[in-house]
Amino acid sequence: MNSKFSLLLLIVVIAGLGGCASMSGDECMTSDWSAIGYEDGARGYTIDHLSKHRKACAKHGVTPDFSAYQSGRDQGLVEYCQPGRGFNVGVNGGSYNGVCNINQEAGFLDAYNAGYHLYSLRSRVNRATSSINYKERELDEIEKDAALNAAALISNDTTQEQRIVLLVELKNLAERTGTLEAEIKELHDVRARAQVELDHYQVVVADLGY
């Protein structure tokens, strides 16, 4: 293995291992646990996220200040649990971990569900488009294979036995072509229906102010 590549791989592995820890030794020593709690709350992390900090800092002989962390996290959750943030989490396909208090959760969930439904509709259109593109690429390959087989079929160098094989292959390619064309047509219909639903719902979301 190239020595430069080996060194690069080692650096990547070490960096990846370092990323497993939520905090470094210096961060553990100088941490404002209220600020850390606030950041975690503002990201919608559950209280279990503190265990990652605890494990990281235990290696350096530091114990998190749970009271300060919880107080900061509660404040961060107030920011996180706003309807606008709920919509953004949903529309990006994120998950909600049930962290909002009862006073904010209903509004957050309404917005989150609206965003997630929009995400789902967009994903449906995108999946149909991806499937169409994939099947159209397969059609292109089949067309190339069929052209090569057709050329070989009429070649003077092709034996009778080879022509029989080529005819069978051409028949299979033609059948696959028919199947793909039908599937692509159906996918175009699916995408068209999904696009109509998406367009309608985007108007609804705009009316809701998101």
N, C-alpha and C. Protein backbone atom coordinates (compact mmCIF):
# COMPACT_ATOMS: atom_id res chain seq x y z
N MET A 1 0.85 -1.20 0.00
CA MET A 1 0.00 0.00 0.00
C MET A 1 0.88 1.25 0.00
N ASN A 2 0.52 2.22 -0.78
CA ASN A 2 1.27 3.47 -0.84
C ASN A 2 1.38 4.09 0.54
N SER A 3 2.62 4.53 0.92
CA SER A 3 2.85 5.05 2.28
C SER A 3 2.05 6.31 2.55
N LYS A 4 1.91 7.17 1.54
CA LYS A 4 1.14 8.40 1.72
C LYS A 4 -0.33 8.07 1.95
N PHE A 5 -0.82 7.07 1.19
CA PHE A 5 -2.22 6.66 1.37
C PHE A 5 -2.43 6.06 2.75
N SER A 6 -1.44 5.26 3.21
CA SER A 6 -1.53 4.65 4.54
C SER A 6 -1.62 5.72 5.62
N LEU A 7 -0.79 6.76 5.48
CA LEU A 7 -0.80 7.85 6.45
C LEU A 7 -2.13 8.57 6.45
N LEU A 8 -2.65 8.82 5.23
CA LEU A 8 -3.94 9.51 5.12
C LEU A 8 -5.04 8.68 5.75
N LEU A 9 -5.02 7.36 5.51
CA LEU A 9 -6.03 6.48 6.08
C LEU A 9 -5.96 6.49 7.59
N LEU A 10 -4.72 6.49 8.13
CA LEU A 10 -4.55 6.51 9.58
C LEU A 10 -5.11 7.78 10.18
N ILE A 11 -4.89 8.91 9.50
CA ILE A 11 -5.41 10.20 9.99
C ILE A 11 -6.93 10.19 10.00
N VAL A 12 -7.51 9.64 8.92
CA VAL A 12 -8.97 9.58 8.84
C VAL A 12 -9.55 8.72 9.95
N VAL A 13 -8.91 7.56 10.20
CA VAL A 13 -9.39 6.66 11.26
C VAL A 13 -9.31 7.32 12.61
N ILE A 14 -8.16 7.98 12.88
CA ILE A 14 -8.00 8.65 14.18
C ILE A 14 -9.02 9.76 14.35
N ALA A 15 -9.24 10.52 13.27
CA ALA A 15 -10.23 11.60 13.34
C ALA A 15 -11.61 11.05 13.59
N GLY A 16 -11.89 9.89 12.96
CA GLY A 16 -13.21 9.29 13.16
C GLY A 16 -13.39 8.82 14.58
N LEU A 17 -12.32 8.24 15.17
CA LEU A 17 -12.41 7.79 16.55
C LEU A 17 -12.58 8.97 17.49
N GLY A 18 -11.89 10.06 17.18
CA GLY A 18 -12.00 11.25 18.03
C GLY A 18 -13.40 11.81 18.00
N GLY A 19 -14.08 11.65 16.85
CA GLY A 19 -15.43 12.19 16.71
C GLY A 19 -16.45 11.45 17.54
N CYS A 20 -16.05 10.25 18.04
CA CYS A 20 -17.01 9.47 18.82
C CYS A 20 -17.26 10.10 20.18
N ALA A 21 -16.30 10.85 20.69
CA ALA A 21 -16.46 11.49 21.99
C ALA A 21 -17.18 12.81 21.81
N SER A 22 -18.14 13.08 22.71
CA SER A 22 -18.91 14.31 22.57
C SER A 22 -18.12 15.53 23.02
N MET A 23 -17.10 15.33 23.87
CA MET A 23 -16.33 16.47 24.39
C MET A 23 -14.87 16.05 24.58
N SER A 24 -13.96 17.02 24.40
CA SER A 24 -12.54 16.77 24.62
C SER A 24 -12.20 17.01 26.10
N GLY A 25 -10.97 16.67 26.46
CA GLY A 25 -10.54 16.89 27.84
C GLY A 25 -10.60 18.34 28.24
N ASP A 26 -10.10 19.24 27.39
CA ASP A 26 -10.12 20.68 27.70
C ASP A 26 -11.56 21.17 27.84
N GLU A 27 -12.44 20.67 26.98
CA GLU A 27 -13.84 21.10 27.05
C GLU A 27 -14.47 20.64 28.36
N CYS A 28 -14.14 19.42 28.79
CA CYS A 28 -14.68 18.92 30.05
C CYS A 28 -14.21 19.77 31.23
N MET A 29 -12.94 20.17 31.19
CA MET A 29 -12.35 20.93 32.31
C MET A 29 -12.93 22.33 32.41
N THR A 30 -13.25 22.93 31.29
CA THR A 30 -13.64 24.35 31.29
C THR A 30 -15.12 24.55 30.98
N SER A 31 -15.89 23.49 31.02
CA SER A 31 -17.26 23.58 30.52
C SER A 31 -18.19 24.40 31.41
N ASP A 32 -19.04 25.15 30.71
CA ASP A 32 -20.19 25.79 31.33
C ASP A 32 -21.36 24.84 31.06
N TRP A 33 -21.72 24.06 32.08
CA TRP A 33 -22.71 23.00 31.87
C TRP A 33 -24.09 23.56 31.58
N SER A 34 -24.35 24.74 32.01
CA SER A 34 -25.62 25.39 31.68
C SER A 34 -25.67 25.70 30.18
N ALA A 35 -24.55 26.18 29.65
CA ALA A 35 -24.48 26.51 28.22
C ALA A 35 -24.57 25.25 27.37
N ILE A 36 -23.91 24.18 27.84
CA ILE A 36 -23.96 22.91 27.11
C ILE A 36 -25.39 22.38 27.09
N GLY A 37 -26.04 22.48 28.26
CA GLY A 37 -27.44 22.04 28.34
C GLY A 37 -28.32 22.84 27.40
N TYR A 38 -28.06 24.15 27.34
CA TYR A 38 -28.86 25.01 26.46
C TYR A 38 -28.68 24.59 25.00
N GLU A 39 -27.44 24.35 24.59
CA GLU A 39 -27.18 23.93 23.20
C GLU A 39 -27.86 22.61 22.89
N ASP A 40 -27.78 21.66 23.82
CA ASP A 40 -28.42 20.36 23.59
C ASP A 40 -29.94 20.50 23.52
N GLY A 41 -30.49 21.34 24.40
CA GLY A 41 -31.93 21.56 24.37
C GLY A 41 -32.37 22.22 23.08
N ALA A 42 -31.59 23.20 22.62
CA ALA A 42 -31.93 23.92 21.39
C ALA A 42 -31.84 23.02 20.17
N ARG A 43 -31.16 21.88 20.31
CA ARG A 43 -31.07 20.91 19.21
C ARG A 43 -32.11 19.80 19.35
N GLY A 44 -32.88 19.86 20.42
CA GLY A 44 -33.92 18.86 20.61
C GLY A 44 -33.43 17.54 21.15
N TYR A 45 -32.24 17.53 21.77
CA TYR A 45 -31.71 16.29 22.32
C TYR A 45 -32.47 15.89 23.59
N THR A 46 -32.59 14.59 23.81
CA THR A 46 -33.20 14.10 25.04
C THR A 46 -32.19 14.23 26.18
N ILE A 47 -32.67 14.05 27.40
CA ILE A 47 -31.79 14.13 28.57
C ILE A 47 -30.73 13.04 28.52
N ASP A 48 -31.00 11.97 27.77
CA ASP A 48 -30.03 10.88 27.66
C ASP A 48 -28.73 11.34 27.01
N HIS A 49 -28.78 12.46 26.29
CA HIS A 49 -27.57 12.95 25.64
C HIS A 49 -26.51 13.32 26.67
N LEU A 50 -26.94 13.62 27.88
CA LEU A 50 -25.98 13.96 28.94
C LEU A 50 -25.06 12.78 29.22
N SER A 51 -25.56 11.54 29.03
CA SER A 51 -24.74 10.37 29.31
C SER A 51 -23.51 10.33 28.40
N LYS A 52 -23.63 10.87 27.17
CA LYS A 52 -22.48 10.92 26.27
C LYS A 52 -21.42 11.87 26.82
N HIS A 53 -21.88 13.01 27.35
CA HIS A 53 -20.94 13.95 27.97
C HIS A 53 -20.30 13.32 29.21
N ARG A 54 -21.13 12.59 29.97
CA ARG A 54 -20.63 11.99 31.20
C ARG A 54 -19.53 10.97 30.88
N LYS A 55 -19.76 10.14 29.87
CA LYS A 55 -18.77 9.13 29.50
C LYS A 55 -17.49 9.77 28.99
N ALA A 56 -17.65 10.82 28.16
CA ALA A 56 -16.48 11.50 27.60
C ALA A 56 -15.65 12.15 28.71
N CYS A 57 -16.33 12.78 29.66
CA CYS A 57 -15.62 13.53 30.70
C CYS A 57 -15.12 12.63 31.82
N ALA A 58 -15.71 11.45 31.97
CA ALA A 58 -15.25 10.53 33.01
C ALA A 58 -13.80 10.13 32.76
N LYS A 59 -13.41 10.08 31.51
CA LYS A 59 -12.02 9.73 31.17
C LYS A 59 -11.04 10.78 31.67
N HIS A 60 -11.55 11.98 31.95
CA HIS A 60 -10.69 13.09 32.39
C HIS A 60 -10.97 13.46 33.84
N GLY A 61 -11.72 12.59 34.51
CA GLY A 61 -12.00 12.81 35.92
C GLY A 61 -12.95 13.95 36.20
N VAL A 62 -13.81 14.27 35.24
CA VAL A 62 -14.76 15.39 35.39
C VAL A 62 -16.18 14.84 35.39
N THR A 63 -16.99 15.33 36.33
CA THR A 63 -18.39 14.94 36.41
C THR A 63 -19.26 16.12 36.02
N PRO A 64 -20.18 15.93 35.09
CA PRO A 64 -21.05 17.04 34.68
C PRO A 64 -21.88 17.58 35.85
N ASP A 65 -22.17 18.87 35.81
CA ASP A 65 -23.06 19.50 36.78
C ASP A 65 -24.48 19.31 36.26
N PHE A 66 -25.16 18.27 36.79
CA PHE A 66 -26.47 17.90 36.28
C PHE A 66 -27.49 19.02 36.44
N SER A 67 -27.48 19.66 37.57
CA SER A 67 -28.45 20.72 37.83
C SER A 67 -28.31 21.87 36.84
N ALA A 68 -27.05 22.30 36.60
CA ALA A 68 -26.80 23.39 35.66
C ALA A 68 -27.16 22.95 34.24
N TYR A 69 -26.79 21.72 33.92
CA TYR A 69 -27.09 21.20 32.59
C TYR A 69 -28.60 21.16 32.35
N GLN A 70 -29.34 20.64 33.31
CA GLN A 70 -30.79 20.52 33.15
C GLN A 70 -31.45 21.88 33.04
N SER A 71 -30.97 22.83 33.84
CA SER A 71 -31.54 24.17 33.78
C SER A 71 -31.29 24.80 32.40
N GLY A 72 -30.07 24.65 31.90
CA GLY A 72 -29.76 25.19 30.58
C GLY A 72 -30.54 24.48 29.49
N ARG A 73 -30.68 23.17 29.62
CA ARG A 73 -31.41 22.40 28.60
C ARG A 73 -32.87 22.83 28.56
N ASP A 74 -33.47 23.05 29.73
CA ASP A 74 -34.87 23.50 29.76
C ASP A 74 -35.05 24.80 28.99
N GLN A 75 -34.08 25.70 29.14
CA GLN A 75 -34.15 26.97 28.41
C GLN A 75 -33.96 26.75 26.90
N GLY A 76 -33.05 25.85 26.56
CA GLY A 76 -32.84 25.55 25.15
C GLY A 76 -34.05 24.92 24.51
N LEU A 77 -34.77 24.10 25.26
CA LEU A 77 -35.97 23.45 24.73
C LEU A 77 -37.07 24.46 24.43
N VAL A 78 -37.12 25.54 25.19
CA VAL A 78 -38.10 26.59 24.91
C VAL A 78 -37.88 27.13 23.50
N GLU A 79 -36.60 27.29 23.13
CA GLU A 79 -36.27 27.75 21.78
C GLU A 79 -36.59 26.67 20.74
N TYR A 80 -36.22 25.44 21.05
CA TYR A 80 -36.42 24.35 20.11
C TYR A 80 -37.90 24.09 19.82
N CYS A 81 -38.72 24.19 20.84
CA CYS A 81 -40.12 23.77 20.74
C CYS A 81 -41.04 24.82 20.13
N GLN A 82 -40.49 25.78 19.43
CA GLN A 82 -41.31 26.75 18.71
C GLN A 82 -41.89 26.10 17.45
N PRO A 83 -43.09 26.49 17.03
CA PRO A 83 -43.69 25.90 15.82
C PRO A 83 -42.80 26.00 14.58
N GLY A 84 -42.12 27.13 14.41
CA GLY A 84 -41.26 27.28 13.24
C GLY A 84 -40.16 26.24 13.21
N ARG A 85 -39.59 25.93 14.37
CA ARG A 85 -38.56 24.92 14.43
C ARG A 85 -39.17 23.54 14.16
N GLY A 86 -40.37 23.32 14.69
CA GLY A 86 -41.04 22.05 14.44
C GLY A 86 -41.25 21.80 12.97
N PHE A 87 -41.67 22.84 12.25
CA PHE A 87 -41.88 22.70 10.81
C PHE A 87 -40.56 22.39 10.11
N ASN A 88 -39.49 23.08 10.49
CA ASN A 88 -38.19 22.86 9.86
C ASN A 88 -37.68 21.44 10.10
N VAL A 89 -37.87 20.95 11.31
CA VAL A 89 -37.46 19.57 11.61
C VAL A 89 -38.24 18.59 10.73
N GLY A 90 -39.55 18.79 10.64
CA GLY A 90 -40.39 17.89 9.85
C GLY A 90 -40.09 17.94 8.38
N VAL A 91 -39.95 19.15 7.83
CA VAL A 91 -39.78 19.29 6.38
C VAL A 91 -38.42 18.75 5.92
N ASN A 92 -37.47 18.60 6.86
CA ASN A 92 -36.18 18.01 6.54
C ASN A 92 -36.12 16.53 6.88
N GLY A 93 -37.28 15.95 7.24
CA GLY A 93 -37.34 14.52 7.51
C GLY A 93 -36.78 14.12 8.86
N GLY A 94 -36.63 15.10 9.77
CA GLY A 94 -36.11 14.79 11.09
C GLY A 94 -37.15 14.12 11.97
N SER A 95 -36.68 13.57 13.08
CA SER A 95 -37.59 12.91 14.02
C SER A 95 -37.77 13.77 15.26
N TYR A 96 -38.92 13.59 15.91
CA TYR A 96 -39.22 14.30 17.15
C TYR A 96 -39.14 13.31 18.30
N ASN A 97 -38.40 13.67 19.32
CA ASN A 97 -38.12 12.73 20.42
C ASN A 97 -38.96 12.98 21.67
N GLY A 98 -40.07 13.72 21.51
CA GLY A 98 -40.98 13.92 22.65
C GLY A 98 -40.39 14.77 23.76
N VAL A 99 -39.59 15.78 23.40
CA VAL A 99 -38.87 16.55 24.41
C VAL A 99 -39.62 17.82 24.85
N CYS A 100 -40.65 18.22 24.13
CA CYS A 100 -41.32 19.49 24.46
C CYS A 100 -42.28 19.33 25.62
N ASN A 101 -42.41 20.40 26.42
CA ASN A 101 -43.35 20.33 27.54
C ASN A 101 -44.78 20.46 27.04
N ILE A 102 -45.71 20.17 27.91
CA ILE A 102 -47.11 20.08 27.51
C ILE A 102 -47.65 21.40 26.98
N ASN A 103 -47.08 22.52 27.44
CA ASN A 103 -47.57 23.82 27.00
C ASN A 103 -47.16 24.16 25.56
N GLN A 104 -46.08 23.56 25.10
CA GLN A 104 -45.58 23.86 23.76
C GLN A 104 -45.78 22.72 22.77
N GLU A 105 -46.00 21.54 23.26
CA GLU A 105 -45.96 20.37 22.39
C GLU A 105 -47.03 20.38 21.30
N ALA A 106 -48.23 20.79 21.64
CA ALA A 106 -49.31 20.75 20.65
C ALA A 106 -48.99 21.61 19.43
N GLY A 107 -48.54 22.86 19.68
CA GLY A 107 -48.20 23.75 18.57
C GLY A 107 -47.01 23.24 17.79
N PHE A 108 -46.02 22.69 18.52
CA PHE A 108 -44.84 22.14 17.87
C PHE A 108 -45.22 20.97 16.96
N LEU A 109 -46.05 20.07 17.48
CA LEU A 109 -46.42 18.88 16.73
C LEU A 109 -47.26 19.21 15.50
N ASP A 110 -48.16 20.19 15.64
CA ASP A 110 -48.95 20.60 14.46
C ASP A 110 -48.03 21.06 13.34
N ALA A 111 -47.05 21.88 13.70
CA ALA A 111 -46.11 22.39 12.70
C ALA A 111 -45.20 21.28 12.19
N TYR A 112 -44.74 20.43 13.10
CA TYR A 112 -43.88 19.31 12.71
C TYR A 112 -44.60 18.38 11.73
N ASN A 113 -45.83 18.04 12.03
CA ASN A 113 -46.59 17.14 11.16
C ASN A 113 -46.83 17.76 9.79
N ALA A 114 -47.09 19.08 9.77
CA ALA A 114 -47.25 19.77 8.48
C ALA A 114 -45.97 19.69 7.67
N GLY A 115 -44.84 19.95 8.32
CA GLY A 115 -43.56 19.89 7.63
C GLY A 115 -43.23 18.48 7.17
N TYR A 116 -43.53 17.50 8.02
CA TYR A 116 -43.18 16.13 7.66
C TYR A 116 -44.06 15.61 6.51
N HIS A 117 -45.31 16.06 6.49
CA HIS A 117 -46.17 15.66 5.38
C HIS A 117 -45.65 16.25 4.07
N LEU A 118 -45.18 17.48 4.12
CA LEU A 118 -44.59 18.10 2.94
C LEU A 118 -43.34 17.34 2.51
N TYR A 119 -42.53 16.95 3.49
CA TYR A 119 -41.34 16.15 3.21
C TYR A 119 -41.71 14.83 2.54
N SER A 120 -42.78 14.17 3.03
CA SER A 120 -43.21 12.90 2.48
C SER A 120 -43.69 13.05 1.04
N LEU A 121 -44.43 14.11 0.76
CA LEU A 121 -44.91 14.35 -0.60
C LEU A 121 -43.75 14.61 -1.55
N ARG A 122 -42.80 15.40 -1.12
CA ARG A 122 -41.63 15.67 -1.95
C ARG A 122 -40.83 14.39 -2.20
N SER A 123 -40.72 13.57 -1.16
CA SER A 123 -39.97 12.32 -1.28
C SER A 123 -40.65 11.39 -2.28
N ARG A 124 -41.98 11.39 -2.28
CA ARG A 124 -42.72 10.53 -3.21
C ARG A 124 -42.44 10.95 -4.66
N VAL A 125 -42.44 12.25 -4.91
CA VAL A 125 -42.13 12.74 -6.25
C VAL A 125 -40.70 12.39 -6.61
N ASN A 126 -39.78 12.59 -5.67
CA ASN A 126 -38.36 12.32 -5.95
C ASN A 126 -38.10 10.83 -6.18
N ARG A 127 -38.78 9.97 -5.42
CA ARG A 127 -38.60 8.53 -5.61
C ARG A 127 -39.08 8.10 -6.99
N ALA A 128 -40.22 8.64 -7.40
CA ALA A 128 -40.75 8.30 -8.73
C ALA A 128 -39.78 8.77 -9.81
N THR A 129 -39.24 9.97 -9.65
CA THR A 129 -38.28 10.50 -10.62
C THR A 129 -37.03 9.64 -10.68
N SER A 130 -36.53 9.24 -9.51
CA SER A 130 -35.33 8.39 -9.47
C SER A 130 -35.59 7.05 -10.14
N SER A 131 -36.77 6.48 -9.90
CA SER A 131 -37.10 5.19 -10.51
C SER A 131 -37.22 5.32 -12.02
N ILE A 132 -37.83 6.41 -12.47
CA ILE A 132 -37.94 6.65 -13.92
C ILE A 132 -36.55 6.74 -14.55
N ASN A 133 -35.69 7.52 -13.92
CA ASN A 133 -34.34 7.70 -14.46
C ASN A 133 -33.58 6.37 -14.51
N TYR A 134 -33.73 5.58 -13.44
CA TYR A 134 -33.05 4.29 -13.37
C TYR A 134 -33.52 3.36 -14.49
N LYS A 135 -34.83 3.29 -14.67
CA LYS A 135 -35.39 2.40 -15.69
C LYS A 135 -35.09 2.90 -17.10
N GLU A 136 -35.02 4.20 -17.27
CA GLU A 136 -34.67 4.74 -18.59
C GLU A 136 -33.22 4.44 -18.93
N ARG A 137 -32.36 4.45 -17.92
CA ARG A 137 -30.95 4.07 -18.17
C ARG A 137 -30.86 2.59 -18.55
N GLU A 138 -31.69 1.77 -17.88
CA GLU A 138 -31.71 0.36 -18.25
C GLU A 138 -32.20 0.17 -19.68
N LEU A 139 -33.20 0.95 -20.07
CA LEU A 139 -33.69 0.88 -21.46
C LEU A 139 -32.58 1.23 -22.45
N ASP A 140 -31.80 2.25 -22.11
CA ASP A 140 -30.69 2.64 -22.99
C ASP A 140 -29.69 1.50 -23.15
N GLU A 141 -29.39 0.81 -22.04
CA GLU A 141 -28.46 -0.31 -22.10
C GLU A 141 -29.03 -1.45 -22.93
N ILE A 142 -30.32 -1.70 -22.77
CA ILE A 142 -30.97 -2.76 -23.56
C ILE A 142 -30.92 -2.43 -25.04
N GLU A 143 -31.15 -1.16 -25.37
CA GLU A 143 -31.10 -0.74 -26.77
C GLU A 143 -29.71 -0.98 -27.36
N LYS A 144 -28.66 -0.70 -26.57
CA LYS A 144 -27.30 -0.94 -27.05
C LYS A 144 -27.05 -2.44 -27.24
N ASP A 145 -27.50 -3.24 -26.25
CA ASP A 145 -27.31 -4.68 -26.35
C ASP A 145 -28.06 -5.26 -27.55
N ALA A 146 -29.28 -4.76 -27.77
CA ALA A 146 -30.08 -5.25 -28.89
C ALA A 146 -29.41 -4.91 -30.22
N ALA A 147 -28.83 -3.71 -30.30
CA ALA A 147 -28.15 -3.30 -31.53
C ALA A 147 -26.94 -4.19 -31.80
N LEU A 148 -26.19 -4.51 -30.75
CA LEU A 148 -25.02 -5.38 -30.92
C LEU A 148 -25.44 -6.78 -31.33
N ASN A 149 -26.51 -7.29 -30.71
CA ASN A 149 -27.00 -8.62 -31.04
C ASN A 149 -27.52 -8.68 -32.47
N ALA A 150 -28.23 -7.61 -32.87
CA ALA A 150 -28.77 -7.56 -34.23
C ALA A 150 -27.65 -7.55 -35.26
N ALA A 151 -26.58 -6.80 -34.95
CA ALA A 151 -25.43 -6.76 -35.86
C ALA A 151 -24.75 -8.11 -35.94
N ALA A 152 -24.63 -8.78 -34.79
CA ALA A 152 -24.00 -10.10 -34.78
C ALA A 152 -24.85 -11.12 -35.52
N LEU A 153 -26.16 -10.94 -35.45
CA LEU A 153 -27.09 -11.89 -36.07
C LEU A 153 -26.89 -11.96 -37.59
N ILE A 154 -26.57 -10.84 -38.20
CA ILE A 154 -26.44 -10.81 -39.65
C ILE A 154 -24.99 -10.90 -40.12
N SER A 155 -24.10 -11.06 -39.16
CA SER A 155 -22.68 -11.16 -39.51
C SER A 155 -22.39 -12.51 -40.15
N ASN A 156 -21.54 -12.51 -41.16
CA ASN A 156 -21.15 -13.74 -41.83
C ASN A 156 -20.32 -14.65 -40.93
N ASP A 157 -19.75 -14.08 -39.88
CA ASP A 157 -18.91 -14.86 -38.98
C ASP A 157 -19.71 -15.60 -37.92
N THR A 158 -21.02 -15.32 -37.83
CA THR A 158 -21.86 -15.92 -36.79
C THR A 158 -22.36 -17.29 -37.25
N THR A 159 -22.19 -18.28 -36.38
CA THR A 159 -22.64 -19.64 -36.71
C THR A 159 -24.14 -19.76 -36.50
N GLN A 160 -24.71 -20.85 -37.00
CA GLN A 160 -26.14 -21.09 -36.84
C GLN A 160 -26.51 -21.22 -35.37
N GLU A 161 -25.67 -21.91 -34.62
CA GLU A 161 -25.93 -22.08 -33.19
C GLU A 161 -25.92 -20.73 -32.47
N GLN A 162 -24.97 -19.89 -32.84
CA GLN A 162 -24.88 -18.56 -32.23
C GLN A 162 -26.09 -17.70 -32.59
N ARG A 163 -26.60 -17.86 -33.84
CA ARG A 163 -27.78 -17.10 -34.24
C ARG A 163 -29.00 -17.50 -33.41
N ILE A 164 -29.10 -18.77 -33.11
CA ILE A 164 -30.23 -19.23 -32.28
C ILE A 164 -30.17 -18.57 -30.90
N VAL A 165 -28.95 -18.54 -30.32
CA VAL A 165 -28.76 -17.90 -29.01
C VAL A 165 -29.09 -16.41 -29.08
N LEU A 166 -28.62 -15.77 -30.14
CA LEU A 166 -28.86 -14.33 -30.31
C LEU A 166 -30.35 -14.03 -30.46
N LEU A 167 -31.06 -14.88 -31.17
CA LEU A 167 -32.51 -14.68 -31.35
C LEU A 167 -33.23 -14.78 -30.01
N VAL A 168 -32.81 -15.74 -29.19
CA VAL A 168 -33.42 -15.88 -27.85
C VAL A 168 -33.12 -14.64 -27.01
N GLU A 169 -31.88 -14.16 -27.08
CA GLU A 169 -31.51 -12.97 -26.31
C GLU A 169 -32.28 -11.75 -26.79
N LEU A 170 -32.44 -11.63 -28.10
CA LEU A 170 -33.20 -10.50 -28.64
C LEU A 170 -34.66 -10.56 -28.20
N LYS A 171 -35.22 -11.76 -28.17
CA LYS A 171 -36.60 -11.93 -27.70
C LYS A 171 -36.71 -11.51 -26.23
N ASN A 172 -35.75 -11.93 -25.40
CA ASN A 172 -35.77 -11.56 -23.98
C ASN A 172 -35.61 -10.05 -23.79
N LEU A 173 -34.74 -9.45 -24.60
CA LEU A 173 -34.54 -8.01 -24.51
C LEU A 173 -35.80 -7.26 -24.91
N ALA A 174 -36.48 -7.76 -25.93
CA ALA A 174 -37.73 -7.12 -26.38
C ALA A 174 -38.79 -7.21 -25.29
N GLU A 175 -38.86 -8.36 -24.62
CA GLU A 175 -39.84 -8.53 -23.55
C GLU A 175 -39.52 -7.60 -22.38
N ARG A 176 -38.23 -7.51 -22.05
CA ARG A 176 -37.84 -6.62 -20.96
C ARG A 176 -38.11 -5.17 -21.31
N THR A 177 -37.92 -4.83 -22.59
CA THR A 177 -38.21 -3.47 -23.05
C THR A 177 -39.69 -3.15 -22.85
N GLY A 178 -40.55 -4.07 -23.22
CA GLY A 178 -41.99 -3.85 -23.04
C GLY A 178 -42.36 -3.68 -21.59
N THR A 179 -41.76 -4.50 -20.73
CA THR A 179 -42.03 -4.40 -19.29
C THR A 179 -41.58 -3.05 -18.74
N LEU A 180 -40.37 -2.65 -19.11
CA LEU A 180 -39.84 -1.36 -18.63
C LEU A 180 -40.68 -0.19 -19.11
N GLU A 181 -41.08 -0.22 -20.37
CA GLU A 181 -41.88 0.87 -20.90
C GLU A 181 -43.21 1.00 -20.17
N ALA A 182 -43.81 -0.14 -19.82
CA ALA A 182 -45.06 -0.11 -19.06
C ALA A 182 -44.82 0.43 -17.65
N GLU A 183 -43.73 0.00 -17.03
CA GLU A 183 -43.41 0.47 -15.68
C GLU A 183 -43.11 1.97 -15.67
N ILE A 184 -42.40 2.42 -16.68
CA ILE A 184 -42.08 3.86 -16.77
C ILE A 184 -43.35 4.68 -16.95
N LYS A 185 -44.25 4.19 -17.79
CA LYS A 185 -45.52 4.90 -17.98
C LYS A 185 -46.29 4.99 -16.66
N GLU A 186 -46.34 3.88 -15.93
CA GLU A 186 -47.03 3.88 -14.64
C GLU A 186 -46.36 4.85 -13.66
N LEU A 187 -45.03 4.87 -13.66
CA LEU A 187 -44.31 5.78 -12.78
C LEU A 187 -44.55 7.24 -13.14
N HIS A 188 -44.67 7.53 -14.41
CA HIS A 188 -45.01 8.90 -14.82
C HIS A 188 -46.38 9.29 -14.29
N ASP A 189 -47.33 8.34 -14.31
CA ASP A 189 -48.67 8.61 -13.78
C ASP A 189 -48.61 8.83 -12.26
N VAL A 190 -47.83 7.98 -11.60
CA VAL A 190 -47.68 8.10 -10.14
C VAL A 190 -47.07 9.45 -9.79
N ARG A 191 -46.02 9.82 -10.53
CA ARG A 191 -45.36 11.10 -10.25
C ARG A 191 -46.29 12.28 -10.52
N ALA A 192 -47.07 12.19 -11.57
CA ALA A 192 -47.99 13.28 -11.89
C ALA A 192 -49.01 13.47 -10.78
N ARG A 193 -49.56 12.36 -10.29
CA ARG A 193 -50.53 12.46 -9.19
C ARG A 193 -49.88 13.00 -7.93
N ALA A 194 -48.67 12.53 -7.65
CA ALA A 194 -47.95 13.00 -6.46
C ALA A 194 -47.61 14.48 -6.58
N GLN A 195 -47.27 14.93 -7.77
CA GLN A 195 -46.93 16.34 -7.99
C GLN A 195 -48.14 17.22 -7.78
N VAL A 196 -49.30 16.76 -8.24
CA VAL A 196 -50.54 17.53 -8.03
C VAL A 196 -50.82 17.66 -6.53
N GLU A 197 -50.67 16.55 -5.81
CA GLU A 197 -50.91 16.58 -4.36
C GLU A 197 -49.89 17.49 -3.67
N LEU A 198 -48.65 17.41 -4.13
CA LEU A 198 -47.59 18.26 -3.55
C LEU A 198 -47.89 19.73 -3.81
N ASP A 199 -48.24 20.07 -5.04
CA ASP A 199 -48.54 21.47 -5.38
C ASP A 199 -49.68 22.00 -4.53
N HIS A 200 -50.71 21.18 -4.35
CA HIS A 200 -51.86 21.60 -3.54
C HIS A 200 -51.44 21.82 -2.09
N TYR A 201 -50.65 20.89 -1.55
CA TYR A 201 -50.29 21.00 -0.15
C TYR A 201 -49.33 22.15 0.10
N GLN A 202 -48.50 22.48 -0.87
CA GLN A 202 -47.60 23.62 -0.71
C GLN A 202 -48.39 24.92 -0.59
N VAL A 203 -49.54 24.99 -1.25
CA VAL A 203 -50.41 26.15 -1.10
C VAL A 203 -50.99 26.18 0.31
N VAL A 204 -51.40 25.01 0.80
CA VAL A 204 -51.93 24.92 2.16
C VAL A 204 -50.90 25.36 3.18
N VAL A 205 -49.67 24.89 3.01
CA VAL A 205 -48.58 25.23 3.94
C VAL A 205 -48.30 26.73 3.90
N ALA A 206 -48.32 27.29 2.70
CA ALA A 206 -48.08 28.73 2.57
C ALA A 206 -49.18 29.52 3.28
N ASP A 207 -50.42 29.06 3.18
CA ASP A 207 -51.53 29.72 3.87
C ASP A 207 -51.38 29.63 5.39
N LEU A 208 -50.73 28.55 5.85
CA LEU A 208 -50.50 28.38 7.29
C LEU A 208 -49.38 29.28 7.78
N GLY A 209 -48.64 29.86 6.85
CA GLY A 209 -47.58 30.79 7.25
C GLY A 209 -46.22 30.18 7.42
N TYR A 210 -46.05 28.94 6.97
CA TYR A 210 -44.74 28.28 7.11
C TYR A 210 -43.87 28.54 5.88
